[in-house]
C-alpha atoms as a PDB file:
ATOM      1  CA  MET A   1     157.812 113.242 109.771  1.00  0.00           C
ATOM      2  CA  SER A   2     158.473 112.209 106.166  1.00  0.00           C
ATOM      3  CA  ILE A   3     155.700 112.504 103.590  1.00  0.00           C
ATOM      4  CA  GLN A   4     155.151 109.420 101.429  1.00  0.00           C
ATOM      5  CA  THR A   5     154.652 109.830  97.704  1.00  0.00           C
ATOM      6  CA  PRO A   6     151.453 108.524  96.080  1.00  0.00           C
ATOM      7  CA  ARG A   7     153.437 105.648  94.575  1.00  0.00           C
ATOM      8  CA  LYS A   8     154.459 104.237  97.961  1.00  0.00           C
ATOM      9  CA  GLN A   9     151.038 104.790  99.473  1.00  0.00           C
ATOM     10  CA  HIS A  10     149.264 102.557  96.973  1.00  0.00           C
ATOM     11  CA  LEU A  11     151.729  99.811  96.000  1.00  0.00           C
ATOM     12  CA  TRP A  12     150.377  97.666  98.828  1.00  0.00           C
ATOM     13  CA  ILE A  13     147.343  96.982  96.604  1.00  0.00           C
ATOM     14  CA  TRP A  14     149.602  95.474  93.954  1.00  0.00           C
ATOM     15  CA  PHE A  15     151.425  93.331  96.528  1.00  0.00           C
ATOM     16  CA  LEU A  16     148.049  92.157  97.823  1.00  0.00           C
ATOM     17  CA  TRP A  17     147.048  91.196  94.265  1.00  0.00           C
ATOM     18  CA  LEU A  18     150.299  89.242  93.825  1.00  0.00           C
ATOM     19  CA  PHE A  19     149.769  87.411  97.107  1.00  0.00           C
ATOM     20  CA  GLY A  20     146.240  86.447  96.103  1.00  0.00           C
ATOM     21  CA  PHE A  21     147.294  85.307  92.639  1.00  0.00           C
ATOM     22  CA  TYR A  22     150.178  83.129  93.852  1.00  0.00           C
ATOM     23  CA  CYS A  23     147.905  81.547  96.455  1.00  0.00           C
ATOM     24  CA  VAL A  24     145.416  80.569  93.750  1.00  0.00           C
ATOM     25  CA  TRP A  25     148.161  79.403  91.392  1.00  0.00           C
ATOM     26  CA  SER A  26     149.769  77.281  94.139  1.00  0.00           C
ATOM     27  CA  TRP A  27     146.410  75.704  94.902  1.00  0.00           C
ATOM     28  CA  LEU A  28     145.856  74.884  91.196  1.00  0.00           C
ATOM     29  CA  VAL A  29     149.328  73.364  90.846  1.00  0.00           C
ATOM     30  CA  PHE A  30     150.182  71.731  94.177  1.00  0.00           C
ATOM     31  CA  GLY A  31     146.639  71.153  95.378  1.00  0.00           C
ATOM     32  CA  HIS A  32     145.816  69.240  92.196  1.00  0.00           C
ATOM     33  CA  ASP A  33     149.190  67.550  91.591  1.00  0.00           C
ATOM     34  CA  ARG A  34     150.015  69.477  88.388  1.00  0.00           C
ATOM     35  CA  TRP A  35     153.676  70.285  88.998  1.00  0.00           C
ATOM     36  CA  GLU A  36     154.752  67.868  86.270  1.00  0.00           C
ATOM     37  CA  VAL A  37     152.463  69.718  83.849  1.00  0.00           C
ATOM     38  CA  VAL A  38     154.196  72.971  84.732  1.00  0.00           C
ATOM     39  CA  THR A  39     157.711  71.567  84.296  1.00  0.00           C
ATOM     40  CA  ALA A  40     156.743  69.903  81.004  1.00  0.00           C
ATOM     41  CA  HIS A  41     155.842  73.321  79.598  1.00  0.00           C
ATOM     42  CA  TRP A  42     158.993  75.137  80.754  1.00  0.00           C
ATOM     43  CA  PRO A  43     159.836  76.452  77.232  1.00  0.00           C
ATOM     44  CA  ILE A  44     156.776  78.708  77.157  1.00  0.00           C
ATOM     45  CA  ALA A  45     157.548  79.901  80.683  1.00  0.00           C
ATOM     46  CA  LEU A  46     161.057  80.841  79.580  1.00  0.00           C
ATOM     47  CA  SER A  47     159.732  82.578  76.474  1.00  0.00           C
ATOM     48  CA  MET A  48     157.220  84.576  78.474  1.00  0.00           C
ATOM     49  CA  ALA A  49     159.965  85.876  80.735  1.00  0.00           C
ATOM     50  CA  ILE A  50     160.878  88.015  77.711  1.00  0.00           C
ATOM     51  CA  GLY A  51     157.275  88.411  76.581  1.00  0.00           C
ATOM     52  CA  SER A  52     156.113  89.759  79.919  1.00  0.00           C
ATOM     53  CA  TYR A  53     158.839  92.406  79.935  1.00  0.00           C
ATOM     54  CA  VAL A  54     157.759  93.447  76.437  1.00  0.00           C
ATOM     55  CA  ALA A  55     154.155  93.580  77.664  1.00  0.00           C
ATOM     56  CA  GLY A  56     154.910  95.998  80.482  1.00  0.00           C
ATOM     57  CA  ALA A  57     157.499  98.134  78.725  1.00  0.00           C
ATOM     58  CA  THR A  58     155.915  98.563  75.292  1.00  0.00           C
ATOM     59  CA  PRO A  59     152.465  98.934  73.683  1.00  0.00           C
ATOM     60  CA  MET A  60     152.439  95.231  72.847  1.00  0.00           C
ATOM     61  CA  GLY A  61     150.857  92.449  74.864  1.00  0.00           C
ATOM     62  CA  GLY A  62     152.753  89.414  76.079  1.00  0.00           C
ATOM     63  CA  GLY A  63     150.950  87.433  73.379  1.00  0.00           C
ATOM     64  CA  THR A  64     153.156  89.282  70.893  1.00  0.00           C
ATOM     65  CA  VAL A  65     155.900  86.892  71.973  1.00  0.00           C
ATOM     66  CA  GLY A  66     153.692  83.978  73.068  1.00  0.00           C
ATOM     67  CA  PHE A  67     151.766  83.749  69.775  1.00  0.00           C
ATOM     68  CA  PRO A  68     154.766  83.293  67.445  1.00  0.00           C
ATOM     69  CA  ILE A  69     156.535  81.003  69.928  1.00  0.00           C
ATOM     70  CA  LEU A  70     153.561  78.630  70.135  1.00  0.00           C
ATOM     71  CA  VAL A  71     152.500  78.872  66.501  1.00  0.00           C
ATOM     72  CA  LEU A  72     155.718  79.377  64.544  1.00  0.00           C
ATOM     73  CA  LEU A  73     158.275  77.624  66.762  1.00  0.00           C
ATOM     74  CA  PHE A  74     156.213  74.865  68.407  1.00  0.00           C
ATOM     75  CA  GLY A  75     153.878  74.373  65.437  1.00  0.00           C
ATOM     76  CA  LEU A  76     150.641  74.643  67.428  1.00  0.00           C
ATOM     77  CA  SER A  77     147.408  75.990  65.954  1.00  0.00           C
ATOM     78  CA  PRO A  78     146.868  79.754  65.520  1.00  0.00           C
ATOM     79  CA  ALA A  79     143.581  79.396  67.424  1.00  0.00           C
ATOM     80  CA  LEU A  80     145.491  78.044  70.434  1.00  0.00           C
ATOM     81  CA  GLY A  81     147.999  80.894  70.114  1.00  0.00           C
ATOM     82  CA  ARG A  82     145.148  83.403  70.173  1.00  0.00           C
ATOM     83  CA  ASP A  83     143.458  81.868  73.225  1.00  0.00           C
ATOM     84  CA  PHE A  84     146.782  81.576  75.040  1.00  0.00           C
ATOM     85  CA  SER A  85     147.416  85.259  74.363  1.00  0.00           C
ATOM     86  CA  PHE A  86     144.134  86.143  76.053  1.00  0.00           C
ATOM     87  CA  ALA A  87     144.872  83.804  78.970  1.00  0.00           C
ATOM     88  CA  VAL A  88     148.437  84.848  79.727  1.00  0.00           C
ATOM     89  CA  GLN A  89     147.718  88.554  79.260  1.00  0.00           C
ATOM     90  CA  SER A  90     144.756  88.345  81.621  1.00  0.00           C
ATOM     91  CA  ILE A  91     147.399  87.828  84.323  1.00  0.00           C
ATOM     92  CA  GLY A  92     150.447  89.717  83.053  1.00  0.00           C
ATOM     93  CA  MET A  93     148.704  92.788  81.676  1.00  0.00           C
ATOM     94  CA  THR A  94     146.308  92.910  84.617  1.00  0.00           C
ATOM     95  CA  SER A  95     149.248  92.778  87.011  1.00  0.00           C
ATOM     96  CA  ALA A  96     151.006  95.553  85.081  1.00  0.00           C
ATOM     97  CA  SER A  97     147.774  97.588  85.029  1.00  0.00           C
ATOM     98  CA  ILE A  98     147.340  97.350  88.786  1.00  0.00           C
ATOM     99  CA  PHE A  99     150.982  98.366  89.194  1.00  0.00           C
ATOM    100  CA  ILE A 100     150.480 101.363  86.869  1.00  0.00           C
ATOM    101  CA  LEU A 101     147.327 102.466  88.684  1.00  0.00           C
ATOM    102  CA  CYS A 102     148.991 102.093  92.069  1.00  0.00           C
ATOM    103  CA  ARG A 103     151.826 104.352  90.909  1.00  0.00           C
ATOM    104  CA  ARG A 104     149.290 106.863  89.600  1.00  0.00           C
ATOM    105  CA  GLN A 105     150.908 107.125  86.209  1.00  0.00           C
ATOM    106  CA  PRO A 106     149.220 109.552  83.782  1.00  0.00           C
ATOM    107  CA  LEU A 107     146.696 107.997  81.413  1.00  0.00           C
ATOM    108  CA  ALA A 108     144.550 109.168  78.485  1.00  0.00           C
ATOM    109  CA  TRP A 109     141.379 108.424  80.429  1.00  0.00           C
ATOM    110  CA  SER A 110     138.739 109.719  77.991  1.00  0.00           C
ATOM    111  CA  MET A 111     140.050 107.717  75.053  1.00  0.00           C
ATOM    112  CA  LEU A 112     140.665 104.696  77.280  1.00  0.00           C
ATOM    113  CA  LYS A 113     137.070 104.711  78.541  1.00  0.00           C
ATOM    114  CA  GLY A 114     135.756 104.943  74.988  1.00  0.00           C
ATOM    115  CA  ALA A 115     138.016 102.075  73.915  1.00  0.00           C
ATOM    116  CA  MET A 116     136.741  99.888  76.742  1.00  0.00           C
ATOM    117  CA  VAL A 117     133.111 100.495  75.799  1.00  0.00           C
ATOM    118  CA  GLY A 118     133.909  99.814  72.139  1.00  0.00           C
ATOM    119  CA  THR A 119     135.722  96.599  73.033  1.00  0.00           C
ATOM    120  CA  LEU A 120     132.662  95.363  74.928  1.00  0.00           C
ATOM    121  CA  ILE A 121     130.847  95.490  71.594  1.00  0.00           C
ATOM    122  CA  GLY A 122     133.574  94.661  69.102  1.00  0.00           C
ATOM    123  CA  LEU A 123     135.423  91.777  70.751  1.00  0.00           C
ATOM    124  CA  PRO A 124     132.434  89.425  71.303  1.00  0.00           C
ATOM    125  CA  ALA A 125     131.194  90.211  67.793  1.00  0.00           C
ATOM    126  CA  GLY A 126     134.604  89.363  66.360  1.00  0.00           C
ATOM    127  CA  ILE A 127     134.921  86.152  68.397  1.00  0.00           C
ATOM    128  CA  PHE A 128     131.517  84.903  67.235  1.00  0.00           C
ATOM    129  CA  TRP A 129     131.243  86.177  63.657  1.00  0.00           C
ATOM    130  CA  ILE A 130     134.732  86.903  62.328  1.00  0.00           C
ATOM    131  CA  ALA A 131     137.447  84.773  63.970  1.00  0.00           C
ATOM    132  CA  PRO A 132     135.786  81.357  63.305  1.00  0.00           C
ATOM    133  CA  TYR A 133     135.843  82.029  59.557  1.00  0.00           C
ATOM    134  CA  ILE A 134     139.471  83.133  59.296  1.00  0.00           C
ATOM    135  CA  PRO A 135     141.774  80.301  58.074  1.00  0.00           C
ATOM    136  CA  GLY A 136     144.788  79.456  60.188  1.00  0.00           C
ATOM    137  CA  LEU A 137     147.249  80.786  57.608  1.00  0.00           C
ATOM    138  CA  TRP A 138     145.425  84.098  57.491  1.00  0.00           C
ATOM    139  CA  ILE A 139     145.582  84.399  61.279  1.00  0.00           C
ATOM    140  CA  LYS A 140     149.349  84.013  61.089  1.00  0.00           C
ATOM    141  CA  LEU A 141     149.551  86.600  58.320  1.00  0.00           C
ATOM    142  CA  VAL A 142     147.321  89.113  60.109  1.00  0.00           C
ATOM    143  CA  PHE A 143     149.596  88.866  63.114  1.00  0.00           C
ATOM    144  CA  ALA A 144     152.768  89.076  61.024  1.00  0.00           C
ATOM    145  CA  VAL A 145     151.597  92.025  58.905  1.00  0.00           C
ATOM    146  CA  VAL A 146     150.233  94.162  61.741  1.00  0.00           C
ATOM    147  CA  TRP A 147     153.351  93.796  63.874  1.00  0.00           C
ATOM    148  CA  ALA A 148     155.746  94.195  60.969  1.00  0.00           C
ATOM    149  CA  SER A 149     154.123  97.518  60.078  1.00  0.00           C
ATOM    150  CA  PHE A 150     154.357  98.551  63.724  1.00  0.00           C
ATOM    151  CA  GLY A 151     158.050  97.658  63.755  1.00  0.00           C
ATOM    152  CA  VAL A 152     158.874  99.492  60.532  1.00  0.00           C
ATOM    153  CA  LEU A 153     157.005 102.574  61.774  1.00  0.00           C
ATOM    154  CA  HIS A 154     159.221 102.739  64.852  1.00  0.00           C
ATOM    155  CA  LEU A 155     162.415 102.098  62.935  1.00  0.00           C
ATOM    156  CA  TYR A 156     161.985 105.331  60.972  1.00  0.00           C
ATOM    157  CA  ARG A 157     159.771 107.429  63.302  1.00  0.00           C
ATOM    158  CA  ILE A 158     161.186 106.565  66.727  1.00  0.00           C
ATOM    159  CA  GLY A 159     162.941 109.918  67.179  1.00  0.00           C
ATOM    160  CA  GLU A 160     159.729 111.854  66.626  1.00  0.00           C
ATOM    161  CA  ILE A 161     157.552 109.489  68.680  1.00  0.00           C
ATOM    162  CA  ALA A 162     159.960 109.526  71.630  1.00  0.00           C
ATOM    163  CA  SER A 163     160.183 113.339  71.603  1.00  0.00           C
ATOM    164  CA  HIS A 164     156.512 114.038  72.371  1.00  0.00           C
ATOM    165  CA  ASN A 165     155.710 115.778  75.647  1.00  0.00           C
ATOM    166  CA  GLY A 166     152.284 115.741  77.251  1.00  0.00           C
ATOM    167  CA  MET A 167     149.374 115.255  74.856  1.00  0.00           C
ATOM    168  CA  THR A 168     147.404 117.390  72.421  1.00  0.00           C
ATOM    169  CA  GLU A 169     144.219 118.144  74.346  1.00  0.00           C
ATOM    170  CA  PHE A 170     140.863 118.069  72.596  1.00  0.00           C
ATOM    171  CA  ASP A 171     137.310 117.905  73.803  1.00  0.00           C
ATOM    172  CA  GLU A 172     136.877 114.864  76.072  1.00  0.00           C
ATOM    173  CA  ARG A 173     133.772 113.802  74.161  1.00  0.00           C
ATOM    174  CA  TRP A 174     135.834 113.742  70.963  1.00  0.00           C
ATOM    175  CA  ASP A 175     138.506 111.597  72.649  1.00  0.00           C
ATOM    176  CA  PHE A 176     135.801 109.228  73.913  1.00  0.00           C
ATOM    177  CA  ARG A 177     134.246 108.839  70.460  1.00  0.00           C
ATOM    178  CA  VAL A 178     137.620 108.158  68.840  1.00  0.00           C
ATOM    179  CA  GLY A 179     138.366 105.515  71.489  1.00  0.00           C
ATOM    180  CA  LEU A 180     134.900 104.008  71.034  1.00  0.00           C
ATOM    181  CA  ALA A 181     135.317 103.624  67.275  1.00  0.00           C
ATOM    182  CA  MET A 182     138.789 102.165  67.756  1.00  0.00           C
ATOM    183  CA  GLY A 183     137.551  99.666  70.355  1.00  0.00           C
ATOM    184  CA  VAL A 184     134.761  98.385  68.126  1.00  0.00           C
ATOM    185  CA  PHE A 185     136.959  98.035  65.038  1.00  0.00           C
ATOM    186  CA  ALA A 186     140.190  96.727  66.593  1.00  0.00           C
ATOM    187  CA  GLY A 187     138.324  94.507  69.053  1.00  0.00           C
ATOM    188  CA  ALA A 188     136.331  92.827  66.284  1.00  0.00           C
ATOM    189  CA  THR A 189     139.270  92.371  63.942  1.00  0.00           C
ATOM    190  CA  VAL A 190     142.844  92.271  65.247  1.00  0.00           C
ATOM    191  CA  ALA A 191     142.147  91.324  68.890  1.00  0.00           C
ATOM    192  CA  ALA A 192     139.413  88.766  68.150  1.00  0.00           C
ATOM    193  CA  VAL A 193     141.556  87.079  65.488  1.00  0.00           C
ATOM    194  CA  THR A 194     145.030  87.104  67.093  1.00  0.00           C
ATOM    195  CA  GLY A 195     144.367  87.752  70.803  1.00  0.00           C
ATOM    196  CA  VAL A 196     146.563  90.853  70.762  1.00  0.00           C
ATOM    197  CA  GLY A 197     146.798  94.150  68.913  1.00  0.00           C
ATOM    198  CA  ILE A 198     144.173  96.474  70.315  1.00  0.00           C
ATOM    199  CA  ASP A 199     146.842  97.986  72.568  1.00  0.00           C
ATOM    200  CA  MET A 200     149.020  98.763  69.550  1.00  0.00           C
ATOM    201  CA  VAL A 201     146.122 100.415  67.707  1.00  0.00           C
ATOM    202  CA  LEU A 202     145.250 102.631  70.693  1.00  0.00           C
ATOM    203  CA  TYR A 203     148.926 103.471  71.122  1.00  0.00           C
ATOM    204  CA  ALA A 204     149.154 104.478  67.452  1.00  0.00           C
ATOM    205  CA  LEU A 205     146.172 106.793  67.857  1.00  0.00           C
ATOM    206  CA  LEU A 206     147.732 108.408  70.902  1.00  0.00           C
ATOM    207  CA  VAL A 207     151.245 108.962  69.563  1.00  0.00           C
ATOM    208  CA  LEU A 208     150.360 109.775  65.941  1.00  0.00           C
ATOM    209  CA  LEU A 209     146.999 111.506  66.207  1.00  0.00           C
ATOM    210  CA  CYS A 210     147.243 113.069  69.673  1.00  0.00           C
ATOM    211  CA  ARG A 211     151.045 113.431  69.859  1.00  0.00           C
ATOM    212  CA  ALA A 212     150.974 111.795  73.285  1.00  0.00           C
ATOM    213  CA  ASP A 213     154.056 111.315  75.426  1.00  0.00           C
ATOM    214  CA  LEU A 214     155.197 107.675  75.599  1.00  0.00           C
ATOM    215  CA  LYS A 215     154.757 107.896  79.394  1.00  0.00           C
ATOM    216  CA  ILE A 216     151.033 108.392  78.710  1.00  0.00           C
ATOM    217  CA  ALA A 217     150.536 106.267  75.604  1.00  0.00           C
ATOM    218  CA  ILE A 218     152.219 103.052  76.752  1.00  0.00           C
ATOM    219  CA  PRO A 219     150.527 102.732  80.174  1.00  0.00           C
ATOM    220  CA  THR A 220     147.164 103.483  78.519  1.00  0.00           C
ATOM    221  CA  SER A 221     147.793 100.738  75.958  1.00  0.00           C
ATOM    222  CA  VAL A 222     148.633  98.300  78.759  1.00  0.00           C
ATOM    223  CA  LEU A 223     145.275  98.930  80.448  1.00  0.00           C
ATOM    224  CA  ILE A 224     143.211  98.413  77.289  1.00  0.00           C
ATOM    225  CA  MET A 225     145.002  95.124  76.568  1.00  0.00           C
ATOM    226  CA  ALA A 226     144.394  93.923  80.122  1.00  0.00           C
ATOM    227  CA  PHE A 227     140.687  94.767  79.818  1.00  0.00           C
ATOM    228  CA  THR A 228     140.438  93.093  76.394  1.00  0.00           C
ATOM    229  CA  SER A 229     142.233  89.944  77.568  1.00  0.00           C
ATOM    230  CA  VAL A 230     140.003  89.474  80.621  1.00  0.00           C
ATOM    231  CA  LEU A 231     136.924  90.074  78.466  1.00  0.00           C
ATOM    232  CA  GLY A 232     138.201  87.579  75.901  1.00  0.00           C
ATOM    233  CA  ILE A 233     138.724  84.925  78.567  1.00  0.00           C
ATOM    234  CA  VAL A 234     135.214  85.484  79.975  1.00  0.00           C
ATOM    235  CA  VAL A 235     133.553  85.364  76.549  1.00  0.00           C
ATOM    236  CA  LYS A 236     135.478  82.268  75.433  1.00  0.00           C
ATOM    237  CA  ASN A 237     134.891  80.335  78.648  1.00  0.00           C
ATOM    238  CA  CYS A 238     131.169  81.188  78.710  1.00  0.00           C
ATOM    239  CA  THR A 239     130.592  80.231  75.070  1.00  0.00           C
ATOM    240  CA  THR A 240     132.927  78.229  72.831  1.00  0.00           C
ATOM    241  CA  GLY A 241     135.490  77.307  75.484  1.00  0.00           C
ATOM    242  CA  MET A 242     139.279  77.616  75.280  1.00  0.00           C
ATOM    243  CA  GLN A 243     141.450  75.607  72.909  1.00  0.00           C
ATOM    244  CA  PRO A 244     142.948  72.370  74.355  1.00  0.00           C
ATOM    245  CA  GLY A 245     146.428  73.013  75.724  1.00  0.00           C
ATOM    246  CA  VAL A 246     145.841  76.618  76.733  1.00  0.00           C
ATOM    247  CA  PHE A 247     145.416  75.853  80.442  1.00  0.00           C
ATOM    248  CA  GLU A 248     148.602  73.781  80.643  1.00  0.00           C
ATOM    249  CA  ASN A 249     150.692  76.485  78.969  1.00  0.00           C
ATOM    250  CA  TRP A 250     149.015  79.126  81.132  1.00  0.00           C
ATOM    251  CA  LEU A 251     149.943  77.261  84.329  1.00  0.00           C
ATOM    252  CA  ALA A 252     153.603  77.371  83.339  1.00  0.00           C
ATOM    253  CA  ALA A 253     153.668  80.993  82.147  1.00  0.00           C
ATOM    254  CA  ALA A 254     151.303  82.756  84.567  1.00  0.00           C
ATOM    255  CA  PRO A 255     153.658  82.996  87.593  1.00  0.00           C
ATOM    256  CA  ILE A 256     156.332  84.479  85.324  1.00  0.00           C
ATOM    257  CA  VAL A 257     154.195  87.156  83.699  1.00  0.00           C
ATOM    258  CA  ALA A 258     152.559  88.229  86.970  1.00  0.00           C
ATOM    259  CA  LEU A 259     155.927  89.707  87.941  1.00  0.00           C
ATOM    260  CA  GLY A 260     157.533  90.218  84.537  1.00  0.00           C
ATOM    261  CA  ALA A 261     155.029  92.676  83.077  1.00  0.00           C
ATOM    262  CA  PRO A 262     155.114  95.066  86.070  1.00  0.00           C
ATOM    263  CA  LEU A 263     158.905  94.721  86.107  1.00  0.00           C
ATOM    264  CA  GLY A 264     158.940  95.862  82.487  1.00  0.00           C
ATOM    265  CA  ALA A 265     156.744  98.848  83.343  1.00  0.00           C
ATOM    266  CA  PHE A 266     159.189  99.799  86.112  1.00  0.00           C
ATOM    267  CA  THR A 267     162.526  98.987  84.463  1.00  0.00           C
ATOM    268  CA  VAL A 268     161.780 100.887  81.274  1.00  0.00           C
ATOM    269  CA  ASP A 269     161.702 104.109  83.305  1.00  0.00           C
ATOM    270  CA  LEU A 270     165.328 103.443  84.199  1.00  0.00           C
ATOM    271  CA  ILE A 271     166.740 102.454  80.794  1.00  0.00           C
ATOM    272  CA  GLY A 272     164.424 104.536  78.597  1.00  0.00           C
ATOM    273  CA  ARG A 273     161.660 103.548  76.222  1.00  0.00           C
ATOM    274  CA  LYS A 274     163.495 104.295  72.984  1.00  0.00           C
ATOM    275  CA  PRO A 275     166.034 101.403  73.192  1.00  0.00           C
ATOM    276  CA  THR A 276     163.274  98.973  74.209  1.00  0.00           C
ATOM    277  CA  LEU A 277     160.989 100.056  71.375  1.00  0.00           C
ATOM    278  CA  LEU A 278     163.804  99.755  68.841  1.00  0.00           C
ATOM    279  CA  PHE A 279     164.601  96.238  70.086  1.00  0.00           C
ATOM    280  CA  VAL A 280     160.949  95.220  69.834  1.00  0.00           C
ATOM    281  CA  ALA A 281     160.676  96.823  66.381  1.00  0.00           C
ATOM    282  CA  VAL A 282     163.468  94.589  65.115  1.00  0.00           C
ATOM    283  CA  LEU A 283     161.695  91.545  66.586  1.00  0.00           C
ATOM    284  CA  CYS A 284     158.460  92.581  64.840  1.00  0.00           C
ATOM    285  CA  VAL A 285     160.150  92.758  61.458  1.00  0.00           C
ATOM    286  CA  GLY A 286     162.003  89.515  62.164  1.00  0.00           C
ATOM    287  CA  GLN A 287     158.826  87.570  62.931  1.00  0.00           C
ATOM    288  CA  PHE A 288     157.331  88.778  59.622  1.00  0.00           C
ATOM    289  CA  ILE A 289     160.342  87.450  57.707  1.00  0.00           C
ATOM    290  CA  TRP A 290     160.151  84.221  59.720  1.00  0.00           C
ATOM    291  CA  THR A 291     156.444  83.771  58.963  1.00  0.00           C
ATOM    292  CA  CYS A 292     156.898  84.400  55.248  1.00  0.00           C
ATOM    293  CA  TYR A 293     159.784  81.923  55.133  1.00  0.00           C
ATOM    294  CA  THR A 294     158.033  79.118  57.033  1.00  0.00           C
ATOM    295  CA  GLU A 295     154.830  79.584  54.992  1.00  0.00           C
ATOM    296  CA  ARG A 296     156.586  80.149  51.652  1.00  0.00           C
ATOM    297  CA  VAL A 297     155.015  77.083  50.011  1.00  0.00           C
ATOM    298  CA  ALA A 298     151.457  78.016  51.013  1.00  0.00           C
ATOM    299  CA  LEU A 299     151.996  81.688  50.183  1.00  0.00           C
ATOM    300  CA  GLY A 300     153.741  81.416  46.862  1.00  0.00           C
ATOM    301  CA  PHE A 301     155.189  84.464  45.173  1.00  0.00           C
ATOM    302  CA  GLY A 302     151.822  86.178  44.884  1.00  0.00           C
ATOM    303  CA  GLY A 303     151.042  85.698  48.572  1.00  0.00           C
ATOM    304  CA  PHE A 304     154.453  87.041  49.567  1.00  0.00           C
ATOM    305  CA  VAL A 305     153.942  90.172  47.456  1.00  0.00           C
ATOM    306  CA  ALA A 306     150.448  90.600  48.924  1.00  0.00           C
ATOM    307  CA  ALA A 307     151.839  90.355  52.473  1.00  0.00           C
ATOM    308  CA  ILE A 308     154.441  93.045  51.775  1.00  0.00           C
ATOM    309  CA  GLY A 309     151.730  95.152  50.165  1.00  0.00           C
ATOM    310  CA  ALA A 310     149.578  94.766  53.283  1.00  0.00           C
ATOM    311  CA  VAL A 311     152.454  96.079  55.418  1.00  0.00           C
ATOM    312  CA  GLY A 312     152.625  99.066  53.098  1.00  0.00           C
ATOM    313  CA  VAL A 313     148.877  99.677  53.477  1.00  0.00           C
ATOM    314  CA  PHE A 314     149.180  99.717  57.272  1.00  0.00           C
ATOM    315  CA  LEU A 315     152.120 102.125  57.054  1.00  0.00           C
ATOM    316  CA  LEU A 316     150.069 104.424  54.840  1.00  0.00           C
ATOM    317  CA  GLY A 317     147.332 104.303  57.468  1.00  0.00           C
ATOM    318  CA  PHE A 318     149.825 105.224  60.196  1.00  0.00           C
ATOM    319  CA  GLU A 319     151.118 108.130  58.097  1.00  0.00           C
ATOM    320  CA  LYS A 320     147.552 109.334  57.504  1.00  0.00           C
ATOM    321  CA  LEU A 321     146.983 109.355  61.273  1.00  0.00           C
ATOM    322  CA  ARG A 322     150.186 111.350  61.674  1.00  0.00           C
ATOM    323  CA  SER A 323     149.079 113.941  59.098  1.00  0.00           C
ATOM    324  CA  TRP A 324     145.669 114.274  60.775  1.00  0.00           C
ATOM    325  CA  GLY A 325     147.483 114.743  64.063  1.00  0.00           C
ATOM    326  CA  ALA A 326     149.500 117.620  62.596  1.00  0.00           C
ATOM    327  CA  VAL A 327     146.269 119.305  61.461  1.00  0.00           C
ATOM    328  CA  LEU A 328     144.676 118.861  64.886  1.00  0.00           C
ATOM    329  CA  VAL A 329     147.739 120.284  66.623  1.00  0.00           C
ATOM    330  CA  GLY A 330     147.570 123.336  64.382  1.00  0.00           C
ATOM    331  CA  GLU A 331     143.863 123.776  65.064  1.00  0.00           C
ATOM    332  CA  ARG A 332     144.453 123.488  68.795  1.00  0.00           C
ATOM    333  CA  GLN A 333     147.239 126.064  68.736  1.00  0.00           C
ATOM    334  CA  ALA A 334     145.074 128.463  66.705  1.00  0.00           C
ATOM    335  CA  PHE A 335     142.226 128.019  69.189  1.00  0.00           C
ATOM    336  CA  LEU A 336     144.500 128.746  72.171  1.00  0.00           C
ATOM    337  CA  ALA A 337     145.939 131.781  70.426  1.00  0.00           C
ATOM    338  CA  ALA A 338     142.426 133.113  69.741  1.00  0.00           C
ATOM    339  CA  GLU A 339     141.397 132.567  73.353  1.00  0.00           C
ATOM    340  CA  LYS A 340     144.515 134.385  74.558  1.00  0.00           C
ATOM    341  CA  ALA A 341     143.800 137.324  72.215  1.00  0.00           C
ATOM    342  CA  LYS A 342     140.279 137.676  73.646  1.00  0.00           C
ATOM    343  CA  LYS A 343     141.704 138.108  77.119  1.00  0.00           C
END
């Protein structure tokens, strides 16, 4: 009698989720005569075929592609791009998360739990008291700057990041507190303003501070983005409501991302994470150049210099995390050596 692996034993839960989702989606579309709405929004569905792969294979939500497509290419409002990011990721990232959990992939649980608790505080606060006061141009620039810095980081640090094995282990309470602080800050700022980004911040903490393996860091980042997106949808629908046009774009993109994000999580194990991350890094830098070009009149020379300077500030922050990580690794090794000497 053959023995099934844990992956095969639990994938039926993911298939059950897919069946339930497509039943609901079919009822929303065919039960309410909305097929023409879906076909009218085919460009976003096509775009999210790429975006959902990025969501599952990298520490970046599907909104990383959806936001610039809607805002920069289609000329829609940044607020709509943010709400769409929450909406589409609530399906794609949730589907990828269920797939990851069913396969029992390793996760940084202590930091993830802290991040979830922090997000419960930070995201609603940011939605109510920060995001409404951020001008549309600034929302575009926040998105462009954060992801450009992420891209540049990987262009010159990818070899080191991809070489990590396991994870530097600290006290679980310390991991929880770090995740908690990150969830409050990133939830209130980057995620509340752009609809994405908290996954990238958690990923940066894991790979730079904790020297985590990509096989741990990326799945953990997927779960925090799924949690944040669902929370964002709940908060928005129960309070201010979603931006007009979000539901129509969601109807077209949702059936794509429900499969695309898990496919990305699976396929990347076959082709490797390094080529995918390098490809995404180039896209991140490209969207920054695109944003600065399309907004060149509003930015002016001073605004352009400030945007580049902001990328530099983020990179300095990433490098500071990396240096702290080196110190923590040394402290951990010294502690283990001392414990071994006692024995």
